[in-house]
């Protein structure tokens, strides 16, 4: 039996155990290795990973040489034995956790697909355009006045859809009717009337509707498509300010120093006007597409 380092098993030719069996000495080495590594010590963890990688590299070299010589049969036996030995190891929960930390904790593809199949709309985005017409009712308006203004907003949304049906574009209609226009390419599922409609299974490209914005107004909505979110979200820090000149000044201050992430976070906490992230150093975790303005997202 060859040497064991971490979870990389490298059998020597001519000393391959029977299928499904594990040498008692090998089992002791596995248990000793798991017991020695302190999961709270990053250096120990990284050292374990480095040794395991080295052993796997050595195994790869052996495999490559055998393939170059077209000596495939011994290689098949080695690979089969390697797989059987790993399956035979009864790792503790701590050892399994260590393996995940060193080699990555990504869920198997089958698990990802199963999660998607169970709740696909949580992993999808809708491509929609809308024009929002608000009622603009003041706090001192009577209930009758609020109801009348809300009805007027609804009628505007219906007129917008009528104009769209006659060939005008949503953005042009929104500008002409002084509504708030937006095109959201990656709208996440939500509880609003507009998003509930957009994520309905019956939705088809080109569908339109009028959707309430609570008691504040109405949307005229155009549905384009819904698709699976096959991309990686990103985590960033940002500083929101009023104008480009201020942004350039802050960027210059950042670059004049050590330009570390902690420096940027400190600037964000004192300079950013985004009350939602300033207290956390401007941190935005797992940002989805469509969450911010297009220039920001493109960058």
C-alpha atoms as a PDB file:
ATOM      1  CA  UNK A   1       0.000   0.000   0.000  1.00  0.00           C
ATOM      2  CA  UNK A   2       1.301   3.452  -0.867  1.00  0.00           C
ATOM      3  CA  UNK A   3       1.492   6.538   1.344  1.00  0.00           C
ATOM      4  CA  UNK A   4      -1.609   8.343   2.621  1.00  0.00           C
ATOM      5  CA  UNK A   5      -1.768  12.104   2.963  1.00  0.00           C
ATOM      6  CA  UNK A   6      -5.090  13.693   3.734  1.00  0.00           C
ATOM      7  CA  UNK A   7      -7.703  12.036   1.569  1.00  0.00           C
ATOM      8  CA  UNK A   8      -5.477  11.262  -1.421  1.00  0.00           C
ATOM      9  CA  UNK A   9      -4.789   7.529  -1.703  1.00  0.00           C
ATOM     10  CA  UNK A  10      -1.941   6.454  -3.964  1.00  0.00           C
ATOM     11  CA  UNK A  11      -1.627   2.641  -4.251  1.00  0.00           C
ATOM     12  CA  UNK A  12       1.583   1.170  -5.582  1.00  0.00           C
ATOM     13  CA  UNK A  13       1.490  -1.252  -8.495  1.00  0.00           C
ATOM     14  CA  UNK A  14       1.490  -4.880  -7.419  1.00  0.00           C
ATOM     15  CA  UNK A  15       0.097  -4.057  -3.958  1.00  0.00           C
ATOM     16  CA  UNK A  16      -3.563  -3.422  -4.675  1.00  0.00           C
ATOM     17  CA  UNK A  17      -5.998  -4.752  -2.029  1.00  0.00           C
ATOM     18  CA  UNK A  18      -9.184  -6.586  -2.835  1.00  0.00           C
ATOM     19  CA  UNK A  19     -12.185  -4.571  -3.997  1.00  0.00           C
ATOM     20  CA  UNK A  20     -14.152  -3.059  -1.084  1.00  0.00           C
ATOM     21  CA  UNK A  21     -11.454  -3.809   1.520  1.00  0.00           C
ATOM     22  CA  UNK A  22      -9.411  -1.294   3.515  1.00  0.00           C
ATOM     23  CA  UNK A  23      -6.088  -2.108   5.106  1.00  0.00           C
ATOM     24  CA  UNK A  24      -6.308  -1.759   8.959  1.00  0.00           C
ATOM     25  CA  UNK A  25      -3.148   0.358   8.911  1.00  0.00           C
ATOM     26  CA  UNK A  26      -4.742   2.636   6.344  1.00  0.00           C
ATOM     27  CA  UNK A  27      -7.845   3.029   8.532  1.00  0.00           C
ATOM     28  CA  UNK A  28      -5.637   3.984  11.496  1.00  0.00           C
ATOM     29  CA  UNK A  29      -3.830   6.576   9.361  1.00  0.00           C
ATOM     30  CA  UNK A  30      -7.125   8.084   8.283  1.00  0.00           C
ATOM     31  CA  UNK A  31      -8.379   8.352  11.860  1.00  0.00           C
ATOM     32  CA  UNK A  32      -5.063   9.759  13.069  1.00  0.00           C
ATOM     33  CA  UNK A  33      -5.013  12.383  10.316  1.00  0.00           C
ATOM     34  CA  UNK A  34      -8.580  13.506  11.110  1.00  0.00           C
ATOM     35  CA  UNK A  35      -7.760  13.732  14.837  1.00  0.00           C
ATOM     36  CA  UNK A  36      -4.567  15.771  14.319  1.00  0.00           C
ATOM     37  CA  UNK A  37      -6.008  18.590  12.236  1.00  0.00           C
ATOM     38  CA  UNK A  38      -7.359  21.544  14.178  1.00  0.00           C
ATOM     39  CA  UNK A  39     -10.254  22.992  12.161  1.00  0.00           C
ATOM     40  CA  UNK A  40      -9.809  26.359  13.898  1.00  0.00           C
ATOM     41  CA  UNK A  41      -6.198  26.572  12.676  1.00  0.00           C
ATOM     42  CA  UNK A  42      -6.226  27.889   9.094  1.00  0.00           C
ATOM     43  CA  UNK A  43      -2.533  27.095   8.639  1.00  0.00           C
ATOM     44  CA  UNK A  44      -3.133  23.457   9.534  1.00  0.00           C
ATOM     45  CA  UNK A  45      -6.041  23.232   7.159  1.00  0.00           C
ATOM     46  CA  UNK A  46      -4.085  24.766   4.290  1.00  0.00           C
ATOM     47  CA  UNK A  47      -1.127  22.494   5.015  1.00  0.00           C
ATOM     48  CA  UNK A  48      -3.397  19.478   4.806  1.00  0.00           C
ATOM     49  CA  UNK A  49      -4.728  20.704   1.462  1.00  0.00           C
ATOM     50  CA  UNK A  50      -1.238  21.242   0.097  1.00  0.00           C
ATOM     51  CA  UNK A  51      -0.136  17.711   1.047  1.00  0.00           C
ATOM     52  CA  UNK A  52      -3.262  16.181  -0.438  1.00  0.00           C
ATOM     53  CA  UNK A  53      -2.767  18.157  -3.647  1.00  0.00           C
ATOM     54  CA  UNK A  54       0.843  16.986  -3.868  1.00  0.00           C
ATOM     55  CA  UNK A  55      -0.209  13.347  -3.554  1.00  0.00           C
ATOM     56  CA  UNK A  56      -2.894  13.750  -6.189  1.00  0.00           C
ATOM     57  CA  UNK A  57      -0.320  15.376  -8.452  1.00  0.00           C
ATOM     58  CA  UNK A  58       1.948  12.375  -8.050  1.00  0.00           C
ATOM     59  CA  UNK A  59      -0.912  10.045  -8.866  1.00  0.00           C
ATOM     60  CA  UNK A  60      -1.700  12.094 -11.997  1.00  0.00           C
ATOM     61  CA  UNK A  61       1.916  11.767 -13.157  1.00  0.00           C
ATOM     62  CA  UNK A  62       1.745   7.983 -12.792  1.00  0.00           C
ATOM     63  CA  UNK A  63      -1.539   7.866 -14.692  1.00  0.00           C
ATOM     64  CA  UNK A  64      -0.182  10.018 -17.502  1.00  0.00           C
ATOM     65  CA  UNK A  65       2.911   7.888 -17.956  1.00  0.00           C
ATOM     66  CA  UNK A  66       0.818   4.721 -18.139  1.00  0.00           C
ATOM     67  CA  UNK A  67      -1.471   6.286 -20.713  1.00  0.00           C
ATOM     68  CA  UNK A  68       1.494   7.405 -22.819  1.00  0.00           C
ATOM     69  CA  UNK A  69       2.756   3.833 -22.767  1.00  0.00           C
ATOM     70  CA  UNK A  70      -0.795   2.665 -23.503  1.00  0.00           C
ATOM     71  CA  UNK A  71      -0.529   0.611 -20.318  1.00  0.00           C
ATOM     72  CA  UNK A  72      -4.219   1.122 -19.495  1.00  0.00           C
ATOM     73  CA  UNK A  73      -5.113  -2.049 -17.586  1.00  0.00           C
ATOM     74  CA  UNK A  74      -3.052  -1.283 -14.455  1.00  0.00           C
ATOM     75  CA  UNK A  75      -4.442   2.259 -14.469  1.00  0.00           C
ATOM     76  CA  UNK A  76      -8.016   0.981 -14.568  1.00  0.00           C
ATOM     77  CA  UNK A  77      -7.308  -1.198 -11.561  1.00  0.00           C
ATOM     78  CA  UNK A  78      -5.725   1.670  -9.632  1.00  0.00           C
ATOM     79  CA  UNK A  79      -8.647   3.994 -10.343  1.00  0.00           C
ATOM     80  CA  UNK A  80     -11.213   1.381  -9.338  1.00  0.00           C
ATOM     81  CA  UNK A  81      -9.371   0.652  -6.099  1.00  0.00           C
ATOM     82  CA  UNK A  82      -9.034   4.357  -5.293  1.00  0.00           C
ATOM     83  CA  UNK A  83     -12.781   4.850  -5.637  1.00  0.00           C
ATOM     84  CA  UNK A  84     -13.595   1.783  -3.548  1.00  0.00           C
ATOM     85  CA  UNK A  85     -11.243   2.828  -0.754  1.00  0.00           C
ATOM     86  CA  UNK A  86     -12.736   6.288  -0.503  1.00  0.00           C
ATOM     87  CA  UNK A  87     -16.248   4.786  -0.366  1.00  0.00           C
ATOM     88  CA  UNK A  88     -15.100   2.363   2.360  1.00  0.00           C
ATOM     89  CA  UNK A  89     -13.778   5.128   4.654  1.00  0.00           C
ATOM     90  CA  UNK A  90     -16.161   5.932   7.534  1.00  0.00           C
ATOM     91  CA  UNK A  91     -15.189   9.558   8.140  1.00  0.00           C
ATOM     92  CA  UNK A  92     -16.426  11.390  11.215  1.00  0.00           C
ATOM     93  CA  UNK A  93     -18.605  14.484  10.829  1.00  0.00           C
ATOM     94  CA  UNK A  94     -15.548  16.598  11.641  1.00  0.00           C
ATOM     95  CA  UNK A  95     -13.480  14.922   8.942  1.00  0.00           C
ATOM     96  CA  UNK A  96     -16.263  15.377   6.410  1.00  0.00           C
ATOM     97  CA  UNK A  97     -16.415  19.049   7.304  1.00  0.00           C
ATOM     98  CA  UNK A  98     -12.664  19.358   6.814  1.00  0.00           C
ATOM     99  CA  UNK A  99     -12.863  17.639   3.437  1.00  0.00           C
ATOM    100  CA  UNK A 100     -15.537  20.132   2.386  1.00  0.00           C
ATOM    101  CA  UNK A 101     -13.427  23.111   3.544  1.00  0.00           C
ATOM    102  CA  UNK A 102     -10.349  21.977   1.640  1.00  0.00           C
ATOM    103  CA  UNK A 103     -11.886  20.696  -1.553  1.00  0.00           C
ATOM    104  CA  UNK A 104     -14.928  22.949  -1.744  1.00  0.00           C
ATOM    105  CA  UNK A 105     -18.475  22.701  -0.449  1.00  0.00           C
ATOM    106  CA  UNK A 106     -20.451  23.033  -3.670  1.00  0.00           C
ATOM    107  CA  UNK A 107     -23.540  20.871  -3.766  1.00  0.00           C
ATOM    108  CA  UNK A 108     -23.519  18.046  -6.326  1.00  0.00           C
ATOM    109  CA  UNK A 109     -25.200  18.901  -9.602  1.00  0.00           C
ATOM    110  CA  UNK A 110     -28.034  16.477  -8.851  1.00  0.00           C
ATOM    111  CA  UNK A 111     -28.820  18.353  -5.618  1.00  0.00           C
ATOM    112  CA  UNK A 112     -28.842  21.688  -7.406  1.00  0.00           C
ATOM    113  CA  UNK A 113     -31.188  20.332 -10.064  1.00  0.00           C
ATOM    114  CA  UNK A 114     -33.450  18.821  -7.407  1.00  0.00           C
ATOM    115  CA  UNK A 115     -33.688  22.182  -5.602  1.00  0.00           C
ATOM    116  CA  UNK A 116     -34.563  23.893  -8.881  1.00  0.00           C
ATOM    117  CA  UNK A 117     -37.207  21.300  -9.756  1.00  0.00           C
ATOM    118  CA  UNK A 118     -38.791  21.664  -6.315  1.00  0.00           C
ATOM    119  CA  UNK A 119     -39.121  25.470  -6.529  1.00  0.00           C
ATOM    120  CA  UNK A 120     -38.059  26.741  -9.979  1.00  0.00           C
ATOM    121  CA  UNK A 121     -39.441  30.249  -9.553  1.00  0.00           C
ATOM    122  CA  UNK A 122     -36.979  30.944  -6.733  1.00  0.00           C
ATOM    123  CA  UNK A 123     -34.183  30.453  -9.272  1.00  0.00           C
ATOM    124  CA  UNK A 124     -35.724  32.418 -12.136  1.00  0.00           C
ATOM    125  CA  UNK A 125     -35.897  36.034 -13.272  1.00  0.00           C
ATOM    126  CA  UNK A 126     -38.504  37.791 -15.396  1.00  0.00           C
ATOM    127  CA  UNK A 127     -37.800  40.253 -18.207  1.00  0.00           C
ATOM    128  CA  UNK A 128     -40.517  42.924 -18.031  1.00  0.00           C
ATOM    129  CA  UNK A 129     -41.217  46.546 -18.935  1.00  0.00           C
ATOM    130  CA  UNK A 130     -43.556  48.725 -16.950  1.00  0.00           C
ATOM    131  CA  UNK A 131     -44.939  52.256 -16.652  1.00  0.00           C
ATOM    132  CA  UNK A 132     -45.971  53.329 -13.165  1.00  0.00           C
ATOM    133  CA  UNK A 133     -48.729  55.895 -12.722  1.00  0.00           C
ATOM    134  CA  UNK A 134     -49.058  57.142  -9.141  1.00  0.00           C
ATOM    135  CA  UNK A 135     -52.181  58.587  -7.574  1.00  0.00           C
ATOM    136  CA  UNK A 136     -50.216  61.457  -5.968  1.00  0.00           C
ATOM    137  CA  UNK A 137     -52.785  61.756  -3.200  1.00  0.00           C
ATOM    138  CA  UNK A 138     -51.630  63.911  -0.299  1.00  0.00           C
ATOM    139  CA  UNK A 139     -51.832  62.903   3.338  1.00  0.00           C
ATOM    140  CA  UNK A 140     -54.653  65.368   3.881  1.00  0.00           C
ATOM    141  CA  UNK A 141     -56.797  63.995   1.016  1.00  0.00           C
ATOM    142  CA  UNK A 142     -60.155  62.508   1.892  1.00  0.00           C
ATOM    143  CA  UNK A 143     -60.938  58.855   1.210  1.00  0.00           C
ATOM    144  CA  UNK A 144     -63.113  59.906  -1.717  1.00  0.00           C
ATOM    145  CA  UNK A 145     -60.330  62.004  -3.201  1.00  0.00           C
ATOM    146  CA  UNK A 146     -57.830  59.181  -2.783  1.00  0.00           C
ATOM    147  CA  UNK A 147     -60.181  56.740  -4.499  1.00  0.00           C
ATOM    148  CA  UNK A 148     -60.742  59.128  -7.396  1.00  0.00           C
ATOM    149  CA  UNK A 149     -57.025  59.769  -7.913  1.00  0.00           C
ATOM    150  CA  UNK A 150     -56.315  56.036  -7.749  1.00  0.00           C
ATOM    151  CA  UNK A 151     -58.965  55.390 -10.405  1.00  0.00           C
ATOM    152  CA  UNK A 152     -57.372  58.044 -12.620  1.00  0.00           C
ATOM    153  CA  UNK A 153     -53.998  56.282 -12.288  1.00  0.00           C
ATOM    154  CA  UNK A 154     -55.657  52.997 -13.311  1.00  0.00           C
ATOM    155  CA  UNK A 155     -57.244  54.630 -16.355  1.00  0.00           C
ATOM    156  CA  UNK A 156     -53.830  55.988 -17.398  1.00  0.00           C
ATOM    157  CA  UNK A 157     -52.341  52.493 -17.182  1.00  0.00           C
ATOM    158  CA  UNK A 158     -55.158  51.122 -19.327  1.00  0.00           C
ATOM    159  CA  UNK A 159     -54.648  53.929 -21.869  1.00  0.00           C
ATOM    160  CA  UNK A 160     -50.933  53.129 -22.000  1.00  0.00           C
ATOM    161  CA  UNK A 161     -51.687  49.496 -22.880  1.00  0.00           C
ATOM    162  CA  UNK A 162     -54.144  50.609 -25.545  1.00  0.00           C
ATOM    163  CA  UNK A 163     -51.463  52.786 -27.137  1.00  0.00           C
ATOM    164  CA  UNK A 164     -48.980  49.906 -26.968  1.00  0.00           C
ATOM    165  CA  UNK A 165     -51.474  47.650 -28.770  1.00  0.00           C
ATOM    166  CA  UNK A 166     -51.595  50.253 -31.544  1.00  0.00           C
ATOM    167  CA  UNK A 167     -47.825  50.030 -32.099  1.00  0.00           C
ATOM    168  CA  UNK A 168     -46.196  52.555 -29.755  1.00  0.00           C
ATOM    169  CA  UNK A 169     -43.303  51.521 -27.514  1.00  0.00           C
ATOM    170  CA  UNK A 170     -43.491  51.406 -23.738  1.00  0.00           C
ATOM    171  CA  UNK A 171     -40.656  53.885 -23.189  1.00  0.00           C
ATOM    172  CA  UNK A 172     -42.187  56.448 -25.583  1.00  0.00           C
ATOM    173  CA  UNK A 173     -45.600  56.064 -23.980  1.00  0.00           C
ATOM    174  CA  UNK A 174     -44.164  56.482 -20.504  1.00  0.00           C
ATOM    175  CA  UNK A 175     -42.360  59.668 -21.456  1.00  0.00           C
ATOM    176  CA  UNK A 176     -45.389  61.147 -23.229  1.00  0.00           C
ATOM    177  CA  UNK A 177     -47.804  60.316 -20.422  1.00  0.00           C
ATOM    178  CA  UNK A 178     -45.355  61.371 -17.685  1.00  0.00           C
ATOM    179  CA  UNK A 179     -45.294  57.971 -16.049  1.00  0.00           C
ATOM    180  CA  UNK A 180     -42.278  56.255 -14.529  1.00  0.00           C
ATOM    181  CA  UNK A 181     -40.878  53.842 -17.152  1.00  0.00           C
ATOM    182  CA  UNK A 182     -38.463  50.974 -16.455  1.00  0.00           C
ATOM    183  CA  UNK A 183     -37.195  47.881 -18.229  1.00  0.00           C
ATOM    184  CA  UNK A 184     -36.088  45.216 -15.752  1.00  0.00           C
ATOM    185  CA  UNK A 185     -34.241  42.361 -17.374  1.00  0.00           C
ATOM    186  CA  UNK A 186     -33.821  40.283 -14.203  1.00  0.00           C
ATOM    187  CA  UNK A 187     -36.805  40.859 -11.915  1.00  0.00           C
ATOM    188  CA  UNK A 188     -36.841  38.396  -9.015  1.00  0.00           C
ATOM    189  CA  UNK A 189     -40.051  36.727  -7.905  1.00  0.00           C
ATOM    190  CA  UNK A 190     -42.014  38.616  -5.266  1.00  0.00           C
ATOM    191  CA  UNK A 191     -45.379  39.157  -3.627  1.00  0.00           C
ATOM    192  CA  UNK A 192     -46.478  42.268  -5.525  1.00  0.00           C
ATOM    193  CA  UNK A 193     -49.382  42.033  -7.964  1.00  0.00           C
ATOM    194  CA  UNK A 194     -47.036  42.790 -10.864  1.00  0.00           C
ATOM    195  CA  UNK A 195     -44.501  40.067 -10.007  1.00  0.00           C
ATOM    196  CA  UNK A 196     -47.157  37.503  -9.113  1.00  0.00           C
ATOM    197  CA  UNK A 197     -48.584  38.051 -12.589  1.00  0.00           C
ATOM    198  CA  UNK A 198     -45.140  37.913 -14.261  1.00  0.00           C
ATOM    199  CA  UNK A 199     -44.304  34.570 -12.598  1.00  0.00           C
ATOM    200  CA  UNK A 200     -47.621  32.914 -13.369  1.00  0.00           C
ATOM    201  CA  UNK A 201     -47.121  29.660 -15.299  1.00  0.00           C
ATOM    202  CA  UNK A 202     -49.576  30.854 -17.970  1.00  0.00           C
ATOM    203  CA  UNK A 203     -47.433  33.865 -18.877  1.00  0.00           C
ATOM    204  CA  UNK A 204     -46.371  34.173 -22.532  1.00  0.00           C
ATOM    205  CA  UNK A 205     -44.176  36.627 -24.407  1.00  0.00           C
ATOM    206  CA  UNK A 206     -46.093  39.802 -25.264  1.00  0.00           C
ATOM    207  CA  UNK A 207     -48.666  39.496 -22.481  1.00  0.00           C
ATOM    208  CA  UNK A 208     -49.760  42.784 -20.882  1.00  0.00           C
ATOM    209  CA  UNK A 209     -51.735  43.737 -17.788  1.00  0.00           C
ATOM    210  CA  UNK A 210     -52.650  46.526 -15.401  1.00  0.00           C
ATOM    211  CA  UNK A 211     -51.351  45.733 -11.895  1.00  0.00           C
ATOM    212  CA  UNK A 212     -52.017  47.618  -8.678  1.00  0.00           C
ATOM    213  CA  UNK A 213     -49.130  49.193  -6.764  1.00  0.00           C
ATOM    214  CA  UNK A 214     -50.889  48.858  -3.454  1.00  0.00           C
ATOM    215  CA  UNK A 215     -52.996  51.981  -2.907  1.00  0.00           C
ATOM    216  CA  UNK A 216     -50.385  54.243  -4.459  1.00  0.00           C
ATOM    217  CA  UNK A 217     -51.076  53.746  -8.157  1.00  0.00           C
ATOM    218  CA  UNK A 218     -51.082  51.297 -11.061  1.00  0.00           C
ATOM    219  CA  UNK A 219     -48.589  49.677 -13.420  1.00  0.00           C
ATOM    220  CA  UNK A 220     -49.001  49.042 -17.112  1.00  0.00           C
ATOM    221  CA  UNK A 221     -46.870  45.912 -17.551  1.00  0.00           C
ATOM    222  CA  UNK A 222     -45.388  44.126 -20.581  1.00  0.00           C
ATOM    223  CA  UNK A 223     -44.003  40.594 -20.195  1.00  0.00           C
ATOM    224  CA  UNK A 224     -41.065  39.447 -22.346  1.00  0.00           C
ATOM    225  CA  UNK A 225     -39.729  36.216 -20.851  1.00  0.00           C
ATOM    226  CA  UNK A 226     -38.748  34.280 -17.743  1.00  0.00           C
ATOM    227  CA  UNK A 227     -35.485  32.349 -17.496  1.00  0.00           C
ATOM    228  CA  UNK A 228     -33.323  30.369 -15.109  1.00  0.00           C
ATOM    229  CA  UNK A 229     -30.656  32.323 -13.228  1.00  0.00           C
ATOM    230  CA  UNK A 230     -27.588  30.570 -14.661  1.00  0.00           C
ATOM    231  CA  UNK A 231     -25.018  33.040 -13.340  1.00  0.00           C
ATOM    232  CA  UNK A 232     -22.984  33.728 -10.221  1.00  0.00           C
ATOM    233  CA  UNK A 233     -24.145  36.586  -7.956  1.00  0.00           C
ATOM    234  CA  UNK A 234     -21.372  38.949  -6.860  1.00  0.00           C
ATOM    235  CA  UNK A 235     -20.424  40.609  -3.577  1.00  0.00           C
ATOM    236  CA  UNK A 236     -19.166  44.185  -3.719  1.00  0.00           C
ATOM    237  CA  UNK A 237     -18.687  47.341  -1.675  1.00  0.00           C
ATOM    238  CA  UNK A 238     -19.913  50.652  -3.013  1.00  0.00           C
ATOM    239  CA  UNK A 239     -20.158  54.320  -2.056  1.00  0.00           C
ATOM    240  CA  UNK A 240     -23.227  56.212  -3.239  1.00  0.00           C
ATOM    241  CA  UNK A 241     -22.823  59.995  -3.628  1.00  0.00           C
ATOM    242  CA  UNK A 242     -24.711  62.868  -5.247  1.00  0.00           C
ATOM    243  CA  UNK A 243     -22.472  63.590  -8.236  1.00  0.00           C
ATOM    244  CA  UNK A 244     -19.511  62.347 -10.278  1.00  0.00           C
ATOM    245  CA  UNK A 245     -17.120  65.012  -8.957  1.00  0.00           C
ATOM    246  CA  UNK A 246     -17.635  63.799  -5.382  1.00  0.00           C
ATOM    247  CA  UNK A 247     -17.164  60.200  -6.489  1.00  0.00           C
ATOM    248  CA  UNK A 248     -13.887  61.062  -8.228  1.00  0.00           C
ATOM    249  CA  UNK A 249     -12.651  62.855  -5.107  1.00  0.00           C
ATOM    250  CA  UNK A 250     -13.412  59.876  -2.883  1.00  0.00           C
ATOM    251  CA  UNK A 251     -11.776  57.498  -5.374  1.00  0.00           C
ATOM    252  CA  UNK A 252      -8.631  59.661  -5.374  1.00  0.00           C
ATOM    253  CA  UNK A 253      -8.525  59.578  -1.558  1.00  0.00           C
ATOM    254  CA  UNK A 254      -8.835  55.806  -1.657  1.00  0.00           C
ATOM    255  CA  UNK A 255      -6.029  55.361  -4.179  1.00  0.00           C
ATOM    256  CA  UNK A 256      -3.760  57.754  -2.278  1.00  0.00           C
ATOM    257  CA  UNK A 257      -3.709  55.390   0.683  1.00  0.00           C
ATOM    258  CA  UNK A 258      -3.041  51.660   0.928  1.00  0.00           C
ATOM    259  CA  UNK A 259      -6.171  51.020  -1.178  1.00  0.00           C
ATOM    260  CA  UNK A 260      -7.284  48.044   0.912  1.00  0.00           C
ATOM    261  CA  UNK A 261     -10.808  46.751   1.329  1.00  0.00           C
ATOM    262  CA  UNK A 262     -10.879  48.010   4.921  1.00  0.00           C
ATOM    263  CA  UNK A 263      -9.902  51.482   3.666  1.00  0.00           C
ATOM    264  CA  UNK A 264     -12.782  51.418   1.199  1.00  0.00           C
ATOM    265  CA  UNK A 265     -15.195  50.237   3.905  1.00  0.00           C
ATOM    266  CA  UNK A 266     -14.109  53.100   6.178  1.00  0.00           C
ATOM    267  CA  UNK A 267     -14.761  55.622   3.405  1.00  0.00           C
ATOM    268  CA  UNK A 268     -18.152  54.103   2.698  1.00  0.00           C
ATOM    269  CA  UNK A 269     -19.194  54.349   6.338  1.00  0.00           C
ATOM    270  CA  UNK A 270     -18.544  58.109   6.378  1.00  0.00           C
ATOM    271  CA  UNK A 271     -19.117  59.198   2.760  1.00  0.00           C
ATOM    272  CA  UNK A 272     -21.909  57.035   1.342  1.00  0.00           C
ATOM    273  CA  UNK A 273     -25.460  58.371   1.179  1.00  0.00           C
ATOM    274  CA  UNK A 274     -26.851  54.832   0.926  1.00  0.00           C
ATOM    275  CA  UNK A 275     -28.286  54.409   4.422  1.00  0.00           C
ATOM    276  CA  UNK A 276     -28.890  50.724   3.799  1.00  0.00           C
ATOM    277  CA  UNK A 277     -25.214  49.812   3.316  1.00  0.00           C
ATOM    278  CA  UNK A 278     -23.105  52.665   4.746  1.00  0.00           C
ATOM    279  CA  UNK A 279     -23.130  51.236   8.274  1.00  0.00           C
ATOM    280  CA  UNK A 280     -21.719  47.976   6.868  1.00  0.00           C
ATOM    281  CA  UNK A 281     -18.921  49.578   4.878  1.00  0.00           C
ATOM    282  CA  UNK A 282     -20.947  49.706   1.660  1.00  0.00           C
ATOM    283  CA  UNK A 283     -21.191  45.913   1.513  1.00  0.00           C
ATOM    284  CA  UNK A 284     -23.716  44.337  -0.878  1.00  0.00           C
ATOM    285  CA  UNK A 285     -23.664  40.535  -0.704  1.00  0.00           C
ATOM    286  CA  UNK A 286     -24.831  38.149  -3.455  1.00  0.00           C
ATOM    287  CA  UNK A 287     -25.993  40.914  -5.773  1.00  0.00           C
ATOM    288  CA  UNK A 288     -28.361  39.650  -8.430  1.00  0.00           C
ATOM    289  CA  UNK A 289     -28.618  40.917 -11.969  1.00  0.00           C
ATOM    290  CA  UNK A 290     -31.055  43.788 -12.348  1.00  0.00           C
ATOM    291  CA  UNK A 291     -30.634  44.938  -8.743  1.00  0.00           C
ATOM    292  CA  UNK A 292     -28.747  48.120  -9.672  1.00  0.00           C
ATOM    293  CA  UNK A 293     -28.614  50.614 -12.517  1.00  0.00           C
ATOM    294  CA  UNK A 294     -27.184  49.307 -15.796  1.00  0.00           C
ATOM    295  CA  UNK A 295     -23.779  51.116 -15.765  1.00  0.00           C
ATOM    296  CA  UNK A 296     -23.119  49.783 -12.282  1.00  0.00           C
ATOM    297  CA  UNK A 297     -24.118  46.266 -13.286  1.00  0.00           C
ATOM    298  CA  UNK A 298     -22.100  46.348 -16.521  1.00  0.00           C
ATOM    299  CA  UNK A 299     -18.974  47.266 -14.582  1.00  0.00           C
END
